[in-house]
Amino acid sequence: GASWALGADEAPELPEEAWRCRFVHDRVQQ
């Protein structure tokens, strides 16, 4: 989401999906 580029603490009004990240592979999560 957009919060990463803007800075998380500078974007309090962004929608929920703006704060999400993902593991690049399920093996990384494992």
PDB file of all heavy atoms in Angstrom:
ATOM      1  N   GLY A   1       0.797  -1.218   0.000  1.00  0.00           N
ATOM      2  CA  GLY A   1       0.000   0.000   0.000  1.00  0.00           C
ATOM      3  C   GLY A   1       0.828   1.266   0.000  1.00  0.00           C
ATOM      4  O   GLY A   1       2.062   1.252   0.095  1.00  0.00           O
ATOM      5  N   ALA A   2       0.105   2.389  -0.056  1.00  0.00           N
ATOM      6  CA  ALA A   2       0.737   3.698  -0.207  1.00  0.00           C
ATOM      7  C   ALA A   2       1.422   4.184   1.053  1.00  0.00           C
ATOM      8  O   ALA A   2       2.248   5.091   1.002  1.00  0.00           O
ATOM      9  CB  ALA A   2      -0.318   4.725  -0.635  1.00  0.00           C
ATOM     10  N   SER A   3       1.085   3.610   2.205  1.00  0.00           N
ATOM     11  CA  SER A   3       1.641   4.132   3.450  1.00  0.00           C
ATOM     12  C   SER A   3       3.163   4.008   3.487  1.00  0.00           C
ATOM     13  O   SER A   3       3.843   4.817   4.107  1.00  0.00           O
ATOM     14  CB  SER A   3       1.039   3.413   4.657  1.00  0.00           C
ATOM     15  OG  SER A   3       1.495   2.070   4.733  1.00  0.00           O
ATOM     16  N   TRP A   4       3.702   2.995   2.808  1.00  0.00           N
ATOM     17  CA  TRP A   4       5.151   2.790   2.847  1.00  0.00           C
ATOM     18  C   TRP A   4       5.882   3.957   2.183  1.00  0.00           C
ATOM     19  O   TRP A   4       6.848   4.483   2.714  1.00  0.00           O
ATOM     20  CB  TRP A   4       5.523   1.476   2.163  1.00  0.00           C
ATOM     21  CG  TRP A   4       6.939   1.073   2.448  1.00  0.00           C
ATOM     22  CD1 TRP A   4       8.061   1.446   1.772  1.00  0.00           C
ATOM     23  CD2 TRP A   4       7.372   0.248   3.529  1.00  0.00           C
ATOM     24  NE1 TRP A   4       9.168   0.897   2.353  1.00  0.00           N
ATOM     25  CE2 TRP A   4       8.790   0.148   3.433  1.00  0.00           C
ATOM     26  CE3 TRP A   4       6.729  -0.434   4.548  1.00  0.00           C
ATOM     27  CZ2 TRP A   4       9.546  -0.596   4.328  1.00  0.00           C
ATOM     28  CZ3 TRP A   4       7.484  -1.177   5.439  1.00  0.00           C
ATOM     29  CH2 TRP A   4       8.875  -1.244   5.329  1.00  0.00           C
ATOM     30  N   ALA A   5       5.389   4.382   1.046  1.00  0.00           N
ATOM     31  CA  ALA A   5       6.046   5.472   0.329  1.00  0.00           C
ATOM     32  C   ALA A   5       5.843   6.814   1.033  1.00  0.00           C
ATOM     33  O   ALA A   5       6.740   7.664   1.059  1.00  0.00           O
ATOM     34  CB  ALA A   5       5.511   5.559  -1.093  1.00  0.00           C
ATOM     35  N   LEU A   6       4.672   6.989   1.654  1.00  0.00           N
ATOM     36  CA  LEU A   6       4.373   8.264   2.287  1.00  0.00           C
ATOM     37  C   LEU A   6       4.954   8.382   3.690  1.00  0.00           C
ATOM     38  O   LEU A   6       5.166   9.477   4.195  1.00  0.00           O
ATOM     39  CB  LEU A   6       2.849   8.460   2.369  1.00  0.00           C
ATOM     40  CG  LEU A   6       2.116   8.584   1.037  1.00  0.00           C
ATOM     41  CD1 LEU A   6       0.620   8.659   1.276  1.00  0.00           C
ATOM     42  CD2 LEU A   6       2.599   9.829   0.287  1.00  0.00           C
ATOM     43  N   GLY A   7       5.201   7.241   4.319  1.00  0.00           N
ATOM     44  CA  GLY A   7       5.602   7.240   5.719  1.00  0.00           C
ATOM     45  C   GLY A   7       4.378   6.947   6.564  1.00  0.00           C
ATOM     46  O   GLY A   7       3.396   7.691   6.530  1.00  0.00           O
ATOM     47  N   ALA A   8       4.418   5.837   7.293  1.00  0.00           N
ATOM     48  CA  ALA A   8       3.228   5.352   7.981  1.00  0.00           C
ATOM     49  C   ALA A   8       2.625   6.372   8.930  1.00  0.00           C
ATOM     50  O   ALA A   8       1.414   6.521   9.017  1.00  0.00           O
ATOM     51  CB  ALA A   8       3.553   4.057   8.734  1.00  0.00           C
ATOM     52  N   ASP A   9       3.455   7.105   9.660  1.00  0.00           N
ATOM     53  CA  ASP A   9       2.930   8.058  10.637  1.00  0.00           C
ATOM     54  C   ASP A   9       2.454   9.347   9.992  1.00  0.00           C
ATOM     55  O   ASP A   9       1.846  10.193  10.643  1.00  0.00           O
ATOM     56  CB  ASP A   9       3.988   8.360  11.695  1.00  0.00           C
ATOM     57  CG  ASP A   9       4.217   7.170  12.624  1.00  0.00           C
ATOM     58  OD1 ASP A   9       3.301   6.331  12.707  1.00  0.00           O
ATOM     59  OD2 ASP A   9       5.289   7.082  13.233  1.00  0.00           O
ATOM     60  N   GLU A  10       2.726   9.517   8.685  1.00  0.00           N
ATOM     61  CA  GLU A  10       2.294  10.720   7.985  1.00  0.00           C
ATOM     62  C   GLU A  10       1.011  10.488   7.194  1.00  0.00           C
ATOM     63  O   GLU A  10       0.535  11.372   6.507  1.00  0.00           O
ATOM     64  CB  GLU A  10       3.400  11.182   7.020  1.00  0.00           C
ATOM     65  CG  GLU A  10       4.721  11.517   7.720  1.00  0.00           C
ATOM     66  CD  GLU A  10       5.827  11.816   6.719  1.00  0.00           C
ATOM     67  OE1 GLU A  10       5.518  11.893   5.518  1.00  0.00           O
ATOM     68  OE2 GLU A  10       6.983  11.970   7.136  1.00  0.00           O
ATOM     69  N   ALA A  11       0.458   9.291   7.305  1.00  0.00           N
ATOM     70  CA  ALA A  11      -0.698   8.951   6.468  1.00  0.00           C
ATOM     71  C   ALA A  11      -1.819   8.313   7.296  1.00  0.00           C
ATOM     72  O   ALA A  11      -2.282   7.221   6.983  1.00  0.00           O
ATOM     73  CB  ALA A  11      -0.249   7.991   5.365  1.00  0.00           C
ATOM     74  N   PRO A  12      -2.272   8.984   8.356  1.00  0.00           N
ATOM     75  CA  PRO A  12      -3.254   8.358   9.239  1.00  0.00           C
ATOM     76  C   PRO A  12      -4.627   8.149   8.611  1.00  0.00           C
ATOM     77  O   PRO A  12      -5.411   7.334   9.099  1.00  0.00           O
ATOM     78  CB  PRO A  12      -3.338   9.352  10.406  1.00  0.00           C
ATOM     79  CG  PRO A  12      -2.947  10.665   9.813  1.00  0.00           C
ATOM     80  CD  PRO A  12      -1.901  10.335   8.791  1.00  0.00           C
ATOM     81  N   GLU A  13      -4.939   8.880   7.535  1.00  0.00           N
ATOM     82  CA  GLU A  13      -6.273   8.795   6.962  1.00  0.00           C
ATOM     83  C   GLU A  13      -6.360   7.814   5.793  1.00  0.00           C
ATOM     84  O   GLU A  13      -7.412   7.695   5.167  1.00  0.00           O
ATOM     85  CB  GLU A  13      -6.722  10.188   6.492  1.00  0.00           C
ATOM     86  CG  GLU A  13      -6.702  11.252   7.580  1.00  0.00           C
ATOM     87  CD  GLU A  13      -7.552  10.863   8.782  1.00  0.00           C
ATOM     88  OE1 GLU A  13      -8.624  10.242   8.571  1.00  0.00           O
ATOM     89  OE2 GLU A  13      -7.146  11.147   9.919  1.00  0.00           O
ATOM     90  N   LEU A  14      -5.295   7.149   5.475  1.00  0.00           N
ATOM     91  CA  LEU A  14      -5.328   6.216   4.361  1.00  0.00           C
ATOM     92  C   LEU A  14      -6.219   5.018   4.689  1.00  0.00           C
ATOM     93  O   LEU A  14      -6.350   4.635   5.841  1.00  0.00           O
ATOM     94  CB  LEU A  14      -3.916   5.730   4.038  1.00  0.00           C
ATOM     95  CG  LEU A  14      -2.984   6.737   3.372  1.00  0.00           C
ATOM     96  CD1 LEU A  14      -1.598   6.140   3.214  1.00  0.00           C
ATOM     97  CD2 LEU A  14      -3.525   7.173   2.020  1.00  0.00           C
ATOM     98  N   PRO A  15      -6.848   4.406   3.669  1.00  0.00           N
ATOM     99  CA  PRO A  15      -7.690   3.232   3.921  1.00  0.00           C
ATOM    100  C   PRO A  15      -6.863   2.040   4.384  1.00  0.00           C
ATOM    101  O   PRO A  15      -5.636   2.022   4.282  1.00  0.00           O
ATOM    102  CB  PRO A  15      -8.336   2.964   2.561  1.00  0.00           C
ATOM    103  CG  PRO A  15      -7.390   3.566   1.572  1.00  0.00           C
ATOM    104  CD  PRO A  15      -6.810   4.773   2.252  1.00  0.00           C
ATOM    105  N   GLU A  16      -7.562   1.033   4.864  1.00  0.00           N
ATOM    106  CA  GLU A  16      -6.920  -0.139   5.464  1.00  0.00           C
ATOM    107  C   GLU A  16      -5.880  -0.785   4.562  1.00  0.00           C
ATOM    108  O   GLU A  16      -4.784  -1.148   5.004  1.00  0.00           O
ATOM    109  CB  GLU A  16      -8.007  -1.153   5.824  1.00  0.00           C
ATOM    110  CG  GLU A  16      -7.492  -2.433   6.436  1.00  0.00           C
ATOM    111  CD  GLU A  16      -8.634  -3.364   6.781  1.00  0.00           C
ATOM    112  OE1 GLU A  16      -9.556  -2.929   7.490  1.00  0.00           O
ATOM    113  OE2 GLU A  16      -8.587  -4.518   6.332  1.00  0.00           O
ATOM    114  N   GLU A  17      -6.216  -0.936   3.281  1.00  0.00           N
ATOM    115  CA  GLU A  17      -5.296  -1.646   2.379  1.00  0.00           C
ATOM    116  C   GLU A  17      -3.975  -0.915   2.179  1.00  0.00           C
ATOM    117  O   GLU A  17      -2.985  -1.518   1.754  1.00  0.00           O
ATOM    118  CB  GLU A  17      -5.962  -1.887   1.023  1.00  0.00           C
ATOM    119  CG  GLU A  17      -6.469  -0.647   0.323  1.00  0.00           C
ATOM    120  CD  GLU A  17      -7.911  -0.316   0.671  1.00  0.00           C
ATOM    121  OE1 GLU A  17      -8.407  -0.811   1.696  1.00  0.00           O
ATOM    122  OE2 GLU A  17      -8.526   0.456  -0.087  1.00  0.00           O
ATOM    123  N   ALA A  18      -3.929   0.364   2.508  1.00  0.00           N
ATOM    124  CA  ALA A  18      -2.691   1.131   2.337  1.00  0.00           C
ATOM    125  C   ALA A  18      -1.613   0.721   3.316  1.00  0.00           C
ATOM    126  O   ALA A  18      -0.441   1.041   3.128  1.00  0.00           O
ATOM    127  CB  ALA A  18      -2.975   2.627   2.488  1.00  0.00           C
ATOM    128  N   TRP A  19      -2.003   0.002   4.367  1.00  0.00           N
ATOM    129  CA  TRP A  19      -1.061  -0.340   5.425  1.00  0.00           C
ATOM    130  C   TRP A  19      -0.547  -1.775   5.315  1.00  0.00           C
ATOM    131  O   TRP A  19       0.184  -2.235   6.185  1.00  0.00           O
ATOM    132  CB  TRP A  19      -1.749  -0.171   6.782  1.00  0.00           C
ATOM    133  CG  TRP A  19      -2.298   1.196   6.997  1.00  0.00           C
ATOM    134  CD1 TRP A  19      -3.538   1.659   6.631  1.00  0.00           C
ATOM    135  CD2 TRP A  19      -1.637   2.299   7.606  1.00  0.00           C
ATOM    136  NE1 TRP A  19      -3.691   2.966   6.977  1.00  0.00           N
ATOM    137  CE2 TRP A  19      -2.534   3.395   7.576  1.00  0.00           C
ATOM    138  CE3 TRP A  19      -0.375   2.480   8.172  1.00  0.00           C
ATOM    139  CZ2 TRP A  19      -2.215   4.637   8.093  1.00  0.00           C
ATOM    140  CZ3 TRP A  19      -0.061   3.717   8.695  1.00  0.00           C
ATOM    141  CH2 TRP A  19      -0.974   4.785   8.648  1.00  0.00           C
ATOM    142  N   ARG A  20      -0.908  -2.446   4.248  1.00  0.00           N
ATOM    143  CA  ARG A  20      -0.612  -3.865   4.191  1.00  0.00           C
ATOM    144  C   ARG A  20       0.713  -4.168   3.490  1.00  0.00           C
ATOM    145  O   ARG A  20       1.130  -3.460   2.573  1.00  0.00           O
ATOM    146  CB  ARG A  20      -1.751  -4.632   3.509  1.00  0.00           C
ATOM    147  CG  ARG A  20      -3.068  -4.479   4.267  1.00  0.00           C
ATOM    148  CD  ARG A  20      -4.160  -5.362   3.737  1.00  0.00           C
ATOM    149  NE  ARG A  20      -3.923  -6.767   4.001  1.00  0.00           N
ATOM    150  CZ  ARG A  20      -4.112  -7.342   5.187  1.00  0.00           C
ATOM    151  NH1 ARG A  20      -4.514  -6.627   6.214  1.00  0.00           N
ATOM    152  NH2 ARG A  20      -3.899  -8.619   5.344  1.00  0.00           N
ATOM    153  N   CYS A  21       1.340  -5.241   3.953  1.00  0.00           N
ATOM    154  CA  CYS A  21       2.550  -5.785   3.336  1.00  0.00           C
ATOM    155  C   CYS A  21       2.343  -7.281   3.168  1.00  0.00           C
ATOM    156  O   CYS A  21       1.414  -7.869   3.727  1.00  0.00           O
ATOM    157  CB  CYS A  21       3.776  -5.537   4.212  1.00  0.00           C
ATOM    158  SG  CYS A  21       4.197  -3.803   4.475  1.00  0.00           S
ATOM    159  N   ARG A  22       3.217  -7.900   2.401  1.00  0.00           N
ATOM    160  CA  ARG A  22       3.123  -9.346   2.236  1.00  0.00           C
ATOM    161  C   ARG A  22       4.513  -9.956   2.201  1.00  0.00           C
ATOM    162  O   ARG A  22       5.505  -9.305   1.831  1.00  0.00           O
ATOM    163  CB  ARG A  22       2.379  -9.706   0.948  1.00  0.00           C
ATOM    164  CG  ARG A  22       3.126  -9.352  -0.329  1.00  0.00           C
ATOM    165  CD  ARG A  22       2.404  -9.870  -1.559  1.00  0.00           C
ATOM    166  NE  ARG A  22       3.052  -9.475  -2.801  1.00  0.00           N
ATOM    167  CZ  ARG A  22       4.074 -10.135  -3.350  1.00  0.00           C
ATOM    168  NH1 ARG A  22       4.546 -11.224  -2.759  1.00  0.00           N
ATOM    169  NH2 ARG A  22       4.624  -9.699  -4.471  1.00  0.00           N
ATOM    170  N   PHE A  23       4.576 -11.213   2.578  1.00  0.00           N
ATOM    171  CA  PHE A  23       5.798 -11.986   2.388  1.00  0.00           C
ATOM    172  C   PHE A  23       5.926 -12.304   0.896  1.00  0.00           C
ATOM    173  O   PHE A  23       4.927 -12.620   0.243  1.00  0.00           O
ATOM    174  CB  PHE A  23       5.749 -13.287   3.187  1.00  0.00           C
ATOM    175  CG  PHE A  23       5.903 -13.096   4.672  1.00  0.00           C
ATOM    176  CD1 PHE A  23       4.788 -12.949   5.481  1.00  0.00           C
ATOM    177  CD2 PHE A  23       7.159 -13.033   5.245  1.00  0.00           C
ATOM    178  CE1 PHE A  23       4.927 -12.765   6.847  1.00  0.00           C
ATOM    179  CE2 PHE A  23       7.309 -12.837   6.606  1.00  0.00           C
ATOM    180  CZ  PHE A  23       6.189 -12.702   7.413  1.00  0.00           C
ATOM    181  N   VAL A  24       7.130 -12.223   0.372  1.00  0.00           N
ATOM    182  CA  VAL A  24       7.293 -12.423  -1.062  1.00  0.00           C
ATOM    183  C   VAL A  24       7.113 -13.881  -1.470  1.00  0.00           C
ATOM    184  O   VAL A  24       6.904 -14.176  -2.643  1.00  0.00           O
ATOM    185  CB  VAL A  24       8.678 -11.918  -1.541  1.00  0.00           C
ATOM    186  CG1 VAL A  24       8.830 -10.431  -1.278  1.00  0.00           C
ATOM    187  CG2 VAL A  24       9.811 -12.701  -0.880  1.00  0.00           C
ATOM    188  N   HIS A  25       7.182 -14.792  -0.494  1.00  0.00           N
ATOM    189  CA  HIS A  25       7.006 -16.213  -0.773  1.00  0.00           C
ATOM    190  C   HIS A  25       6.546 -16.879   0.513  1.00  0.00           C
ATOM    191  O   HIS A  25       6.934 -16.469   1.611  1.00  0.00           O
ATOM    192  CB  HIS A  25       8.334 -16.826  -1.259  1.00  0.00           C
ATOM    193  CG  HIS A  25       8.164 -18.165  -1.915  1.00  0.00           C
ATOM    194  ND1 HIS A  25       8.004 -19.328  -1.189  1.00  0.00           N
ATOM    195  CD2 HIS A  25       8.142 -18.531  -3.231  1.00  0.00           C
ATOM    196  CE1 HIS A  25       7.885 -20.352  -2.024  1.00  0.00           C
ATOM    197  NE2 HIS A  25       7.965 -19.893  -3.267  1.00  0.00           N
ATOM    198  N   ASP A  26       5.713 -17.925   0.383  1.00  0.00           N
ATOM    199  CA  ASP A  26       5.233 -18.581   1.594  1.00  0.00           C
ATOM    200  C   ASP A  26       6.372 -19.238   2.384  1.00  0.00           C
ATOM    201  O   ASP A  26       6.284 -19.389   3.606  1.00  0.00           O
ATOM    202  CB  ASP A  26       4.140 -19.599   1.272  1.00  0.00           C
ATOM    203  CG  ASP A  26       4.586 -20.703   0.323  1.00  0.00           C
ATOM    204  OD1 ASP A  26       5.736 -20.674  -0.154  1.00  0.00           O
ATOM    205  OD2 ASP A  26       3.760 -21.601   0.050  1.00  0.00           O
ATOM    206  N   ARG A  27       7.470 -19.581   1.697  1.00  0.00           N
ATOM    207  CA  ARG A  27       8.608 -20.162   2.408  1.00  0.00           C
ATOM    208  C   ARG A  27       9.274 -19.138   3.325  1.00  0.00           C
ATOM    209  O   ARG A  27       9.861 -19.495   4.350  1.00  0.00           O
ATOM    210  CB  ARG A  27       9.636 -20.711   1.416  1.00  0.00           C
ATOM    211  CG  ARG A  27       9.125 -21.827   0.532  1.00  0.00           C
ATOM    212  CD  ARG A  27       8.942 -23.125   1.285  1.00  0.00           C
ATOM    213  NE  ARG A  27       8.466 -24.187   0.424  1.00  0.00           N
ATOM    214  CZ  ARG A  27       9.245 -24.986  -0.284  1.00  0.00           C
ATOM    215  NH1 ARG A  27      10.557 -24.809  -0.263  1.00  0.00           N
ATOM    216  NH2 ARG A  27       8.741 -25.944  -1.024  1.00  0.00           N
ATOM    217  N   VAL A  28       9.216 -17.870   2.956  1.00  0.00           N
ATOM    218  CA  VAL A  28       9.767 -16.824   3.819  1.00  0.00           C
ATOM    219  C   VAL A  28       8.950 -16.752   5.105  1.00  0.00           C
ATOM    220  O   VAL A  28       9.493 -16.679   6.215  1.00  0.00           O
ATOM    221  CB  VAL A  28       9.786 -15.464   3.116  1.00  0.00           C
ATOM    222  CG1 VAL A  28      10.315 -14.382   4.052  1.00  0.00           C
ATOM    223  CG2 VAL A  28      10.624 -15.518   1.845  1.00  0.00           C
ATOM    224  N   GLN A  29       7.633 -16.770   4.961  1.00  0.00           N
ATOM    225  CA  GLN A  29       6.774 -16.770   6.146  1.00  0.00           C
ATOM    226  C   GLN A  29       7.052 -17.992   7.009  1.00  0.00           C
ATOM    227  O   GLN A  29       7.146 -17.895   8.241  1.00  0.00           O
ATOM    228  CB  GLN A  29       5.303 -16.749   5.736  1.00  0.00           C
ATOM    229  CG  GLN A  29       4.349 -16.710   6.935  1.00  0.00           C
ATOM    230  CD  GLN A  29       2.901 -16.939   6.547  1.00  0.00           C
ATOM    231  OE1 GLN A  29       2.579 -17.123   5.368  1.00  0.00           O
ATOM    232  NE2 GLN A  29       2.023 -16.927   7.530  1.00  0.00           N
ATOM    233  N   GLN A  30       7.191 -19.158   6.394  1.00  0.00           N
ATOM    234  CA  GLN A  30       7.474 -20.380   7.137  1.00  0.00           C
ATOM    235  C   GLN A  30       8.782 -20.258   7.919  1.00  0.00           C
ATOM    236  O   GLN A  30       8.865 -20.663   9.079  1.00  0.00           O
ATOM    237  CB  GLN A  30       7.548 -21.570   6.190  1.00  0.00           C
ATOM    238  CG  GLN A  30       6.228 -21.951   5.546  1.00  0.00           C
ATOM    239  CD  GLN A  30       6.417 -23.003   4.472  1.00  0.00           C
ATOM    240  OE1 GLN A  30       7.394 -23.750   4.462  1.00  0.00           O
ATOM    241  NE2 GLN A  30       5.476 -23.059   3.540  1.00  0.00           N
TER     242      GLN A  30
END
